[in-house]
Protein backbone atom coordinates (compact mmCIF):
# COMPACT_ATOMS: atom_id res chain seq x y z
CA PRO A 1 -53.70 53.72 69.88
CA GLY A 2 -56.08 56.21 71.49
CA ASP A 3 -57.93 57.26 68.34
CA PRO A 4 -60.72 54.79 67.36
CA GLN A 5 -59.79 54.96 63.66
CA GLU A 6 -56.13 54.37 64.48
CA ARG A 7 -57.12 51.40 66.65
CA ARG A 8 -59.17 50.00 63.81
CA ARG A 9 -56.32 50.35 61.31
CA TYR A 10 -53.88 48.85 63.82
CA ALA A 11 -56.19 45.89 64.54
CA SER A 12 -56.74 45.32 60.81
CA LYS A 13 -53.00 45.32 60.07
CA VAL A 14 -52.06 43.01 62.95
CA LEU A 15 -54.91 40.55 62.44
CA GLU A 16 -54.40 40.38 58.66
CA ALA A 17 -50.74 39.46 59.16
CA PHE A 18 -51.51 37.03 61.99
CA ALA A 19 -54.35 35.27 60.13
CA SER A 20 -52.31 35.03 56.92
CA ARG A 21 -49.53 33.25 58.81
CA ALA A 22 -51.99 31.04 60.68
CA TYR A 23 -53.93 30.09 57.53
CA ARG A 24 -50.72 29.79 55.47
CA ARG A 25 -52.08 32.02 52.68
CA PRO A 26 -53.28 35.63 52.33
CA VAL A 27 -56.52 36.14 54.21
CA ASP A 28 -59.46 37.78 52.39
CA GLN A 29 -60.62 41.26 53.40
CA GLU A 30 -64.06 40.04 54.46
CA THR A 31 -62.48 37.78 57.09
CA VAL A 32 -60.30 40.66 58.33
CA GLU A 33 -63.37 42.89 58.68
CA ARG A 34 -65.21 40.26 60.72
CA LEU A 35 -62.21 39.90 63.03
CA VAL A 36 -61.90 43.67 63.50
CA HIS A 37 -65.62 43.87 64.25
CA LEU A 38 -65.15 41.17 66.90
CA VAL A 39 -62.36 43.26 68.48
CA GLU A 40 -64.60 46.34 68.59
CA THR A 41 -67.67 44.59 70.00
CA THR A 42 -65.59 42.80 72.64
CA ALA A 43 -63.80 46.02 73.69
CA ALA A 44 -67.15 47.86 73.94
CA ARG A 45 -68.44 45.55 76.67
CA PRO A 46 -68.25 46.78 80.26
CA GLY A 47 -64.92 45.97 81.86
CA ARG A 48 -63.31 44.82 78.60
CA THR A 49 -60.41 46.43 76.76
CA PHE A 50 -59.00 46.71 73.26
CA GLU A 51 -56.33 44.18 74.23
CA ALA A 52 -59.03 41.73 75.34
CA GLY A 53 -60.73 42.16 71.97
CA MET A 54 -57.48 41.42 70.13
CA ALA A 55 -56.95 38.32 72.25
CA GLN A 56 -60.49 37.17 71.45
CA ALA A 57 -59.93 37.63 67.70
CA MET A 58 -56.64 35.72 67.81
CA THR A 59 -58.35 32.92 69.72
CA VAL A 60 -60.95 32.68 66.96
CA ILE A 61 -58.18 32.44 64.35
CA LEU A 62 -56.39 29.66 66.23
CA ALA A 63 -59.66 27.75 66.72
CA SER A 64 -60.52 27.94 63.02
CA PRO A 65 -60.40 24.78 60.87
CA ARG A 66 -58.29 26.84 58.45
CA PHE A 67 -55.55 26.85 61.10
CA LEU A 68 -56.11 23.39 62.56
CA PHE A 69 -56.21 21.70 59.14
CA ARG A 70 -54.26 22.21 55.96
CA GLU A 71 -56.84 23.42 53.49
CA GLU A 72 -55.37 22.63 50.09
CA GLN A 73 -56.59 24.75 47.20
CA THR A 74 -55.91 24.21 43.52
CA LEU A 75 -55.17 26.48 40.59
CA PRO A 76 -58.31 28.41 39.60
CA ASN A 77 -60.39 27.30 36.62
CA SER A 78 -58.61 23.95 36.39
CA THR A 79 -60.56 21.20 34.64
CA ASP A 80 -58.06 18.42 35.38
CA ARG A 81 -59.30 15.40 37.30
CA TYR A 82 -56.32 15.84 39.64
CA PRO A 83 -55.70 19.60 39.53
CA LEU A 84 -52.39 21.21 40.43
CA LEU A 85 -52.13 22.67 43.91
CA ASP A 86 -51.91 26.43 43.99
CA GLU A 87 -48.56 27.83 45.07
CA TYR A 88 -49.53 28.44 48.69
CA SER A 89 -50.77 24.87 49.12
CA LEU A 90 -47.64 23.55 47.42
CA ALA A 91 -45.48 25.64 49.76
CA SER A 92 -47.29 24.18 52.77
CA ARG A 93 -47.08 20.61 51.51
CA LEU A 94 -43.35 21.01 50.84
CA SER A 95 -42.63 22.69 54.16
CA TYR A 96 -44.55 20.21 56.29
CA PHE A 97 -42.81 17.32 54.54
CA LEU A 98 -39.24 18.61 54.94
CA TRP A 99 -39.54 20.80 58.04
CA SER A 100 -42.69 19.59 59.83
CA THR A 101 -43.82 23.19 60.14
CA MET A 102 -45.33 26.06 58.14
CA PRO A 103 -43.53 27.74 55.23
CA ASP A 104 -41.00 30.47 55.94
CA GLU A 105 -40.98 33.98 54.48
CA GLU A 106 -39.02 32.94 51.38
CA LEU A 107 -41.53 30.25 50.45
CA PHE A 108 -44.44 32.62 51.13
CA GLY A 109 -42.78 35.28 48.99
CA LEU A 110 -42.29 32.95 46.03
CA ALA A 111 -45.86 31.69 46.34
CA ALA A 112 -47.15 35.28 46.35
CA GLN A 113 -45.29 35.91 43.07
CA ASN A 114 -46.39 32.56 41.57
CA LYS A 115 -42.71 31.64 41.22
CA LEU A 116 -42.41 28.66 43.56
CA ARG A 117 -42.77 26.03 40.84
CA GLN A 118 -40.16 27.60 38.61
CA ASN A 119 -37.76 27.75 41.58
CA PHE A 120 -38.84 24.43 43.05
CA SER A 121 -35.56 22.52 42.72
CA ALA A 122 -33.53 25.35 44.27
CA GLN A 123 -35.97 25.57 47.17
CA VAL A 124 -35.74 21.83 47.82
CA SER A 125 -31.94 22.15 47.97
CA ARG A 126 -32.18 25.13 50.33
CA MET A 127 -34.64 23.39 52.63
CA LEU A 128 -32.67 20.14 52.78
CA ALA A 129 -29.53 22.10 53.69
CA ASP A 130 -31.39 23.98 56.43
CA LYS A 131 -31.13 22.59 59.96
CA ARG A 132 -34.94 22.46 60.12
CA SER A 133 -34.84 19.44 57.79
CA SER A 134 -33.69 17.48 60.84
CA GLU A 135 -37.40 17.36 61.69
CA PHE A 136 -37.97 15.24 58.58
CA ILE A 137 -35.16 12.93 59.69
CA ARG A 138 -36.50 12.66 63.22
CA ASN A 139 -40.18 12.27 62.37
CA PHE A 140 -39.85 9.96 59.38
CA ALA A 141 -37.30 7.72 61.10
CA GLY A 142 -39.40 7.79 64.26
CA GLN A 143 -42.47 6.55 62.43
CA TRP A 144 -41.00 4.23 59.81
CA LEU A 145 -38.26 2.69 61.96
CA GLN A 146 -40.18 3.22 65.23
CA ALA A 147 -37.04 4.70 66.81
CA ARG A 148 -39.05 6.85 69.22
CA ASN A 149 -40.67 3.76 70.77
CA VAL A 150 -37.45 2.72 72.52
CA GLU A 151 -37.93 5.51 75.08
CA SER A 152 -41.12 3.88 76.38
CA ALA A 153 -40.45 0.19 75.65
CA ASN A 154 -41.21 -2.06 78.62
CA VAL A 155 -38.26 -4.41 79.15
CA ASN A 156 -37.24 -5.82 82.54
CA PRO A 157 -33.45 -6.36 82.63
CA PHE A 158 -33.62 -8.58 85.72
CA ALA A 159 -36.26 -10.85 84.15
CA VAL A 160 -34.42 -10.99 80.82
CA LEU A 161 -31.00 -11.80 82.26
CA SER A 162 -32.39 -14.21 84.86
CA LYS A 163 -34.04 -16.25 82.12
CA GLU A 164 -30.75 -16.45 80.26
CA GLN A 165 -28.96 -18.02 83.20
CA PRO A 166 -28.72 -21.83 83.20
CA ARG A 167 -31.28 -23.49 85.43
CA ASP A 168 -29.92 -23.76 89.00
CA PRO A 169 -31.91 -26.11 91.28
CA LYS A 170 -30.29 -24.58 94.38
CA ALA A 171 -31.28 -21.07 93.33
CA GLU A 172 -34.85 -22.20 92.66
CA GLN A 173 -34.99 -23.80 96.11
CA ALA A 174 -33.70 -20.55 97.63
CA ARG A 175 -36.40 -18.52 95.86
CA THR A 176 -39.09 -20.93 97.03
CA ARG A 177 -37.79 -20.75 100.60
CA PHE A 178 -37.62 -16.94 100.47
CA ARG A 179 -41.26 -16.69 99.34
CA GLU A 180 -42.29 -19.12 102.06
CA LEU A 181 -40.58 -17.10 104.82
CA ALA A 182 -41.63 -13.70 103.42
CA ARG A 183 -45.30 -14.69 103.57
CA LYS A 184 -45.12 -15.44 107.29
CA PRO A 185 -46.01 -12.70 109.80
CA GLN A 186 -42.85 -11.25 111.36
CA GLU A 187 -43.88 -12.31 114.86
CA ALA A 188 -44.33 -15.91 113.72
CA LEU A 189 -40.72 -16.24 112.59
CA THR A 190 -38.14 -17.87 114.84
CA GLU A 191 -34.78 -16.18 115.33
CA ALA A 192 -33.18 -18.74 113.03
CA GLU A 193 -35.80 -18.06 110.34
CA LYS A 194 -35.28 -14.30 110.65
CA LYS A 195 -31.55 -14.75 110.07
CA GLU A 196 -32.22 -17.09 107.16
CA LEU A 197 -34.65 -14.60 105.58
CA GLU A 198 -32.15 -11.77 105.95
CA GLN A 199 -29.41 -13.87 104.36
CA LEU A 200 -31.64 -14.81 101.43
CA ARG A 201 -32.66 -11.17 100.97
CA ASN A 202 -29.01 -10.06 100.87
CA ASN A 203 -28.20 -12.74 98.31
CA PHE A 204 -31.04 -11.57 96.06
CA PHE A 205 -30.01 -7.91 96.38
CA ARG A 206 -26.50 -8.84 95.27
CA GLY A 207 -28.08 -10.42 92.18
CA PHE A 208 -30.08 -7.25 91.51
CA ARG A 209 -26.94 -5.13 91.78
CA ARG A 210 -25.23 -7.36 89.23
CA PHE A 211 -27.94 -6.53 86.70
CA ARG A 212 -28.10 -2.82 87.55
CA GLN A 213 -25.47 -1.95 84.94
CA PHE A 214 -27.97 -3.00 82.27
CA GLN A 215 -30.78 -0.72 83.48
CA LEU A 216 -32.34 1.19 80.59
CA THR A 217 -32.01 4.71 81.98
CA GLY A 218 -33.49 7.73 80.24
CA GLU A 219 -30.04 8.83 79.05
CA LEU A 220 -29.31 5.39 77.60
CA ARG A 221 -32.67 5.18 75.84
CA ARG A 222 -32.15 8.63 74.30
CA ALA A 223 -28.72 7.56 73.05
CA MET A 224 -30.31 4.48 71.47
CA ARG A 225 -32.90 6.61 69.69
CA GLN A 226 -30.23 9.06 68.53
CA GLU A 227 -28.14 6.19 67.16
CA THR A 228 -30.91 5.29 64.72
CA GLU A 229 -31.80 8.89 63.86
CA MET A 230 -28.15 9.84 63.28
CA SER A 231 -27.61 6.76 61.11
CA PHE A 232 -30.52 7.82 58.89
CA GLU A 233 -29.41 11.46 58.89
CA TYR A 234 -25.84 10.53 57.93
CA VAL A 235 -27.06 8.53 54.93
CA VAL A 236 -29.44 11.30 53.79
CA ARG A 237 -27.10 14.26 54.33
CA ASN A 238 -24.15 12.55 52.64
CA ASP A 239 -26.34 10.98 49.94
CA HIS A 240 -24.96 7.51 50.63
CA SER A 241 -26.81 4.39 49.55
CA LEU A 242 -29.92 3.60 51.57
CA LEU A 243 -28.52 0.07 51.83
CA GLU A 244 -26.14 1.42 54.49
CA LEU A 245 -29.19 1.54 56.74
CA LEU A 246 -29.19 -2.26 56.64
CA ASP A 247 -25.46 -2.97 56.75
CA ALA A 248 -22.55 -0.65 57.51
CA ASN A 249 -19.15 -0.78 59.16
CA TYR A 250 -20.00 2.14 61.45
CA THR A 251 -22.63 3.34 63.87
CA PHE A 252 -23.17 6.33 66.19
CA LEU A 253 -22.29 5.97 69.87
CA ASN A 254 -21.34 7.78 73.02
CA GLU A 255 -19.43 6.24 75.92
CA ARG A 256 -22.59 5.07 77.68
CA LEU A 257 -24.00 3.24 74.65
CA ALA A 258 -20.59 1.88 73.58
CA LYS A 259 -20.10 0.24 76.99
CA TYR A 260 -23.61 -1.18 76.76
CA TYR A 261 -22.64 -2.75 73.41
CA ASP A 262 -19.22 -3.86 74.78
CA ILE A 263 -17.42 -1.65 72.25
CA GLU A 264 -14.17 -0.14 73.51
CA GLY A 265 -12.42 3.13 72.73
CA VAL A 266 -15.35 5.56 73.00
CA SER A 267 -15.37 8.24 75.72
CA GLY A 268 -17.61 11.19 76.53
CA GLU A 269 -21.34 11.86 76.33
CA GLN A 270 -21.36 13.27 72.79
CA MET A 271 -22.74 10.96 70.12
CA ARG A 272 -20.32 10.48 67.24
CA LYS A 273 -19.64 8.23 64.24
CA VAL A 274 -17.66 5.16 65.32
CA THR A 275 -16.05 2.59 63.03
CA LEU A 276 -17.01 -0.88 64.23
CA PRO A 277 -14.39 -3.55 64.98
CA PRO A 278 -13.70 -5.99 62.10
CA GLY A 279 -16.17 -8.86 62.13
CA SER A 280 -18.62 -7.06 64.42
CA PRO A 281 -22.19 -8.32 64.02
CA ARG A 282 -23.44 -4.77 64.49
CA GLY A 283 -23.88 -2.22 61.77
CA GLY A 284 -27.22 -1.16 60.31
CA ILE A 285 -30.51 -0.36 61.99
CA LEU A 286 -31.47 -4.03 62.51
CA THR A 287 -28.62 -4.55 64.98
CA GLN A 288 -29.34 -1.36 66.91
CA ALA A 289 -31.06 -1.37 70.28
CA THR A 290 -34.09 0.55 68.98
CA PHE A 291 -35.12 -2.38 66.77
CA LEU A 292 -33.97 -5.14 69.13
CA ILE A 293 -35.71 -3.75 72.24
CA THR A 294 -38.96 -2.53 70.70
CA THR A 295 -39.52 -5.91 69.02
CA SER A 296 -39.04 -7.88 72.25
CA ASN A 297 -41.34 -8.91 75.07
CA PRO A 298 -40.72 -7.56 78.60
CA ASP A 299 -38.85 -10.71 79.67
CA ARG A 300 -37.55 -12.31 76.45
CA THR A 301 -36.92 -11.84 72.77
CA SER A 302 -39.71 -12.23 70.24
CA PRO A 303 -38.52 -13.66 66.90
CA VAL A 304 -42.10 -13.27 65.68
CA LYS A 305 -42.18 -9.53 66.36
CA ARG A 306 -38.73 -9.08 64.86
CA GLY A 307 -39.65 -11.04 61.74
CA LEU A 308 -42.92 -9.15 61.43
CA PHE A 309 -41.11 -5.80 61.64
CA ILE A 310 -38.75 -6.80 58.83
CA LEU A 311 -41.59 -8.03 56.63
CA ASP A 312 -43.61 -4.86 57.25
CA ASN A 313 -40.95 -2.13 57.35
CA ILE A 314 -37.97 -3.51 55.41
CA LEU A 315 -39.39 -5.86 52.77
CA GLY A 316 -42.88 -4.36 52.53
CA THR A 317 -44.70 -7.71 52.61
CA PRO A 318 -46.68 -7.83 55.88
CA PRO A 319 -48.51 -11.10 56.60
CA PRO A 320 -52.29 -11.26 57.02
CA PRO A 321 -53.88 -11.22 60.48
CA PRO A 322 -53.66 -14.53 62.36
CA PRO A 323 -56.71 -16.74 62.91
CA PRO A 324 -58.55 -16.16 66.20
CA ASP A 325 -58.00 -18.07 69.46
CA LEU A 326 -54.45 -19.17 68.78
CA PRO A 327 -52.78 -20.67 71.87
CA PRO A 328 -49.81 -18.78 73.37
CA LEU A 329 -46.36 -19.81 72.24
CA GLU A 330 -45.47 -21.10 75.71
CA GLN A 331 -47.90 -24.01 75.27
CA ALA A 332 -45.53 -25.39 72.64
CA ALA A 333 -42.94 -25.91 75.39
CA GLU A 334 -44.81 -29.01 76.55
CA ALA A 335 -43.87 -30.81 73.33
CA VAL A 336 -40.13 -30.41 74.00
CA LYS A 337 -39.01 -33.20 76.30
CA GLY A 338 -35.93 -33.71 78.43
CA LYS A 339 -34.66 -30.12 78.71
CA PRO A 340 -35.81 -26.50 78.89
CA PRO A 341 -37.00 -25.56 75.37
CA THR A 342 -35.39 -22.74 73.42
CA LEU A 343 -37.51 -20.25 71.49
CA ARG A 344 -36.38 -21.85 68.22
CA GLU A 345 -37.69 -25.23 69.42
CA MET A 346 -41.01 -23.78 70.61
CA LEU A 347 -41.50 -21.95 67.32
CA ALA A 348 -40.78 -25.15 65.39
CA VAL A 349 -43.63 -26.84 67.28
CA HIS A 350 -45.87 -23.81 66.71
CA ARG A 351 -45.08 -23.81 62.97
CA SER A 352 -46.04 -27.45 62.65
CA LYS A 353 -49.70 -26.49 63.06
CA ALA A 354 -51.50 -26.01 59.77
CA LEU A 355 -53.08 -22.72 60.88
CA CYS A 356 -49.70 -21.22 61.76
CA ASN A 357 -47.13 -22.37 59.24
CA ALA A 358 -48.00 -20.10 56.30
CA CYS A 359 -47.14 -16.89 58.14
CA HIS A 360 -44.55 -18.25 60.56
CA ASN A 361 -42.54 -19.81 57.73
CA ARG A 362 -42.06 -16.23 56.51
CA MET A 363 -41.53 -14.47 59.85
CA ASP A 364 -39.61 -16.96 61.97
CA PRO A 365 -36.40 -17.36 59.91
CA LEU A 366 -36.01 -13.57 59.79
CA GLY A 367 -36.62 -13.11 63.51
CA LEU A 368 -34.52 -16.07 64.64
CA ALA A 369 -31.51 -14.63 62.81
CA PHE A 370 -31.35 -12.02 65.59
CA GLU A 371 -31.53 -14.43 68.54
CA ASN A 372 -27.90 -13.67 69.40
CA PHE A 373 -29.23 -10.29 70.55
CA ASN A 374 -31.28 -10.57 73.72
CA ALA A 375 -34.33 -8.49 74.64
CA LEU A 376 -32.01 -5.73 75.86
CA GLY A 377 -30.18 -5.57 72.53
CA ARG A 378 -27.01 -7.09 73.99
CA TRP A 379 -25.02 -9.89 72.37
CA ARG A 380 -25.24 -13.42 73.75
CA ASP A 381 -23.88 -16.76 72.58
CA LYS A 382 -26.19 -19.06 74.53
CA GLU A 383 -29.83 -19.41 75.51
CA LEU A 384 -30.56 -21.56 78.57
CA ASN A 385 -26.92 -22.70 78.43
CA GLN A 386 -27.42 -23.99 74.87
CA PRO A 387 -25.61 -22.53 71.82
CA ILE A 388 -27.85 -20.24 69.79
CA GLU A 389 -28.64 -21.28 66.21
CA ALA A 390 -29.18 -18.13 64.16
CA GLY A 391 -29.16 -19.68 60.69
CA GLY A 392 -32.14 -20.29 58.48
CA GLN A 393 -33.64 -20.21 55.01
CA LEU A 394 -36.04 -17.66 53.56
CA LEU A 395 -39.09 -18.77 51.61
CA THR A 396 -37.45 -17.22 48.55
CA GLY A 397 -34.67 -19.82 48.87
CA GLU A 398 -31.72 -17.84 50.26
CA SER A 399 -29.89 -19.54 53.14
CA PHE A 400 -27.81 -17.86 55.84
CA LYS A 401 -25.97 -19.02 58.93
CA ASP A 402 -26.03 -15.83 61.01
CA VAL A 403 -27.20 -12.22 61.09
CA ARG A 404 -24.21 -11.03 59.05
CA GLU A 405 -25.18 -13.25 56.12
CA LEU A 406 -28.84 -12.24 56.41
CA LYS A 407 -27.84 -8.57 56.11
CA LYS A 408 -25.91 -9.44 52.94
CA ILE A 409 -29.03 -11.07 51.49
CA LEU A 410 -31.16 -8.02 52.34
CA THR A 411 -28.69 -5.68 50.63
CA THR A 412 -28.24 -7.78 47.48
CA SER A 413 -30.96 -10.13 46.28
CA ARG A 414 -33.67 -8.38 48.33
CA ARG A 415 -32.53 -4.79 47.82
CA LEU A 416 -35.37 -3.95 45.41
CA ASP A 417 -37.90 -5.04 48.03
CA PHE A 418 -36.21 -2.69 50.50
CA TYR A 419 -36.17 0.17 47.99
CA ARG A 420 -39.87 -0.37 47.26
CA CYS A 421 -40.78 -0.50 50.94
CA THR A 422 -38.80 2.68 51.68
CA THR A 423 -40.42 4.43 48.72
CA GLU A 424 -43.93 3.45 49.79
CA LYS A 425 -43.34 4.52 53.40
CA MET A 426 -41.97 7.90 52.32
CA LEU A 427 -44.87 8.47 49.93
CA ILE A 428 -47.37 7.70 52.69
CA TYR A 429 -45.53 10.13 54.97
CA ALA A 430 -45.43 12.87 52.33
CA LEU A 431 -49.03 12.53 51.10
CA GLY A 432 -50.68 11.75 54.42
CA ARG A 433 -52.79 8.96 52.96
CA ALA A 434 -52.65 5.28 52.11
CA LEU A 435 -51.45 4.38 48.64
CA GLY A 436 -53.79 2.98 46.02
CA PRO A 437 -53.41 1.05 42.76
CA SER A 438 -53.03 4.29 40.80
CA ASP A 439 -49.90 5.12 42.84
CA MET A 440 -48.06 1.93 41.90
CA HIS A 441 -46.79 3.30 38.58
CA LEU A 442 -45.07 6.13 40.47
CA VAL A 443 -43.65 3.65 43.00
CA ASP A 444 -42.25 1.49 40.18
CA GLU A 445 -40.72 4.55 38.53
CA LEU A 446 -39.10 5.81 41.75
CA VAL A 447 -37.72 2.36 42.63
CA ALA A 448 -36.14 2.01 39.18
CA LYS A 449 -34.51 5.44 39.47
CA LEU A 450 -33.35 4.69 43.01
CA ASP A 451 -31.73 1.40 42.00
CA ALA A 452 -30.06 2.96 38.96
CA ALA A 453 -28.60 5.66 41.24
CA GLY A 454 -27.17 3.15 43.70
CA GLY A 455 -29.80 3.82 46.34
CA ARG A 456 -29.02 7.53 46.81
CA PRO A 457 -31.82 9.10 48.90
CA SER A 458 -31.65 12.43 47.04
CA VAL A 459 -33.01 10.66 43.95
CA LEU A 460 -35.98 9.32 45.91
CA ILE A 461 -36.73 12.58 47.74
CA ARG A 462 -36.53 14.79 44.65
CA GLY A 463 -38.41 12.30 42.50
CA LEU A 464 -41.18 12.18 45.07
CA LEU A 465 -41.39 15.98 45.46
CA GLU A 466 -41.46 16.56 41.70
CA SER A 467 -44.09 13.88 41.11
CA SER A 468 -47.66 14.52 40.06
CA ALA A 469 -48.86 12.79 43.24
CA PHE A 470 -47.11 15.39 45.40
CA GLN A 471 -47.94 18.46 43.31
CA ARG A 472 -51.57 17.69 42.58
CA ARG A 473 -54.62 17.26 44.79
CA ARG A 474 -56.32 13.93 44.68
CA PRO A 475 -59.84 14.10 46.17
CA SER A 476 -60.94 11.03 48.09
CA ASN A 477 -64.39 9.53 47.77
CA GLY A 478 -66.79 11.22 50.15
CA GLN A 479 -64.04 12.58 52.36
CA ALA A 480 -63.17 16.15 53.19
CA ARG A 481 -60.44 17.62 51.04
CA ARG A 482 -58.42 18.71 54.00
CA SER A 483 -55.42 16.92 55.40
CA ALA A 484 -54.41 17.18 59.02
CA SER A 485 -51.76 19.81 59.65
CA THR A 486 -50.01 17.63 62.21
CA ARG A 487 -47.51 15.01 61.07
CA HIS A 488 -49.13 12.04 59.39
CA PHE A 489 -48.68 8.61 60.93
CA PHE A 490 -48.48 5.51 58.80
CA SER A 491 -51.63 3.54 58.32
CA PRO A 492 -51.33 0.76 60.90
CA SER A 493 -50.92 -2.80 59.77
CA PRO A 494 -53.72 -5.24 60.61
CA ALA A 495 -53.65 -6.21 64.26
CA LEU A 496 -51.50 -9.26 64.80
CA GLN A 497 -51.28 -11.59 67.75
CA VAL A 498 -47.54 -12.00 68.13
CA ASN A 499 -45.35 -13.72 70.69
């Protein structure tokens, strides 16, 4: 606008709307006046314009802690120890939990009329049905189940598959000879040695090509991540039992991932629900590549990491940190005589040490149950040309002979542990803080409701959202009463030295 008064009214209108969206609540008039004054003083400088002043004011808004952090306010004049959030703060907490973004116009409108609480259940239904709730699926599954980590996991297919081959003295001699010739200067090689080196190089390249089909390309890694996310989304959207996350007769595949798993009858790049063959060991997140790869070392499986993941993220009973200066697992190989040691045999030696057995007696049986899946997440029957033993016994007494039976144990006698762990992880995600003793009553209540409802996730999600913990502000001792507006990550477990 050309008229100064028109420009002022225009700046006030635009900045009030922009700041209200950025701060996720109506902005006070004093703040608007300061922003308009900034526009005018900036535009009055030599060489500056009204547009430059507006840009400066918007920059100030976006740099404000009120935008960068979620400032949660409570109902005025409340004397409660844990006062109710006001409607704008409740709208933000709800929206960031289900959509990972700020409230939309409908939530803002209800908050402005103080009608969000009385329409809370209907809004939860609307938001869950909205496609934006896929952000909750993606972010919660990515953090809890660590599905996103598969895209950056460091696994070397050649090293993994080479270690699984039976020891071949001739091949070892060839590798030694190749290194010997390759270290020599080219001019020092005889014609016979040059031909020998070329032949050895060609033989090795043929071996590399044999393993190329198992390369973890970006497309394959994305399909692996989507398999886990779609499994979680299917259970949530259809309100099936959460136990289907641990054991199911289906998974989500495209042709690329199906071939990787040696499952026939799937074509095309689109991910879709696939019924697994009868007797398949797959089914459930623990037999998906996201779990199997991210809990492996670059060149081999890690039963310890796999067992630790299950204790921490499935059963909710993480072990304490290990004592310092523990020797690496490979040192245990020296105690196995007469043949190359399997991981099971090395872990048995490791567990025999007094410092190690308390935690490893809990982790190892769980992790060893998945030894039929190599570090690439592919099925194998042998390790070092020896049949794999996947059976074991949990400290709680349940015995199993393979991964199928372990999954049955997790979905029956240990289902309440899984429900509790899922509940705690979702509460941490929703509240953006660690849980304390005062939260345990709510956890117990939600777990009981979840079990009575057959594990339906809608019962957990609605129970959490309607809880006092979600709808009230709980100040922390000596800490700012603001919670980060970005998605909250889980509090990390104590650092563990794992093999």
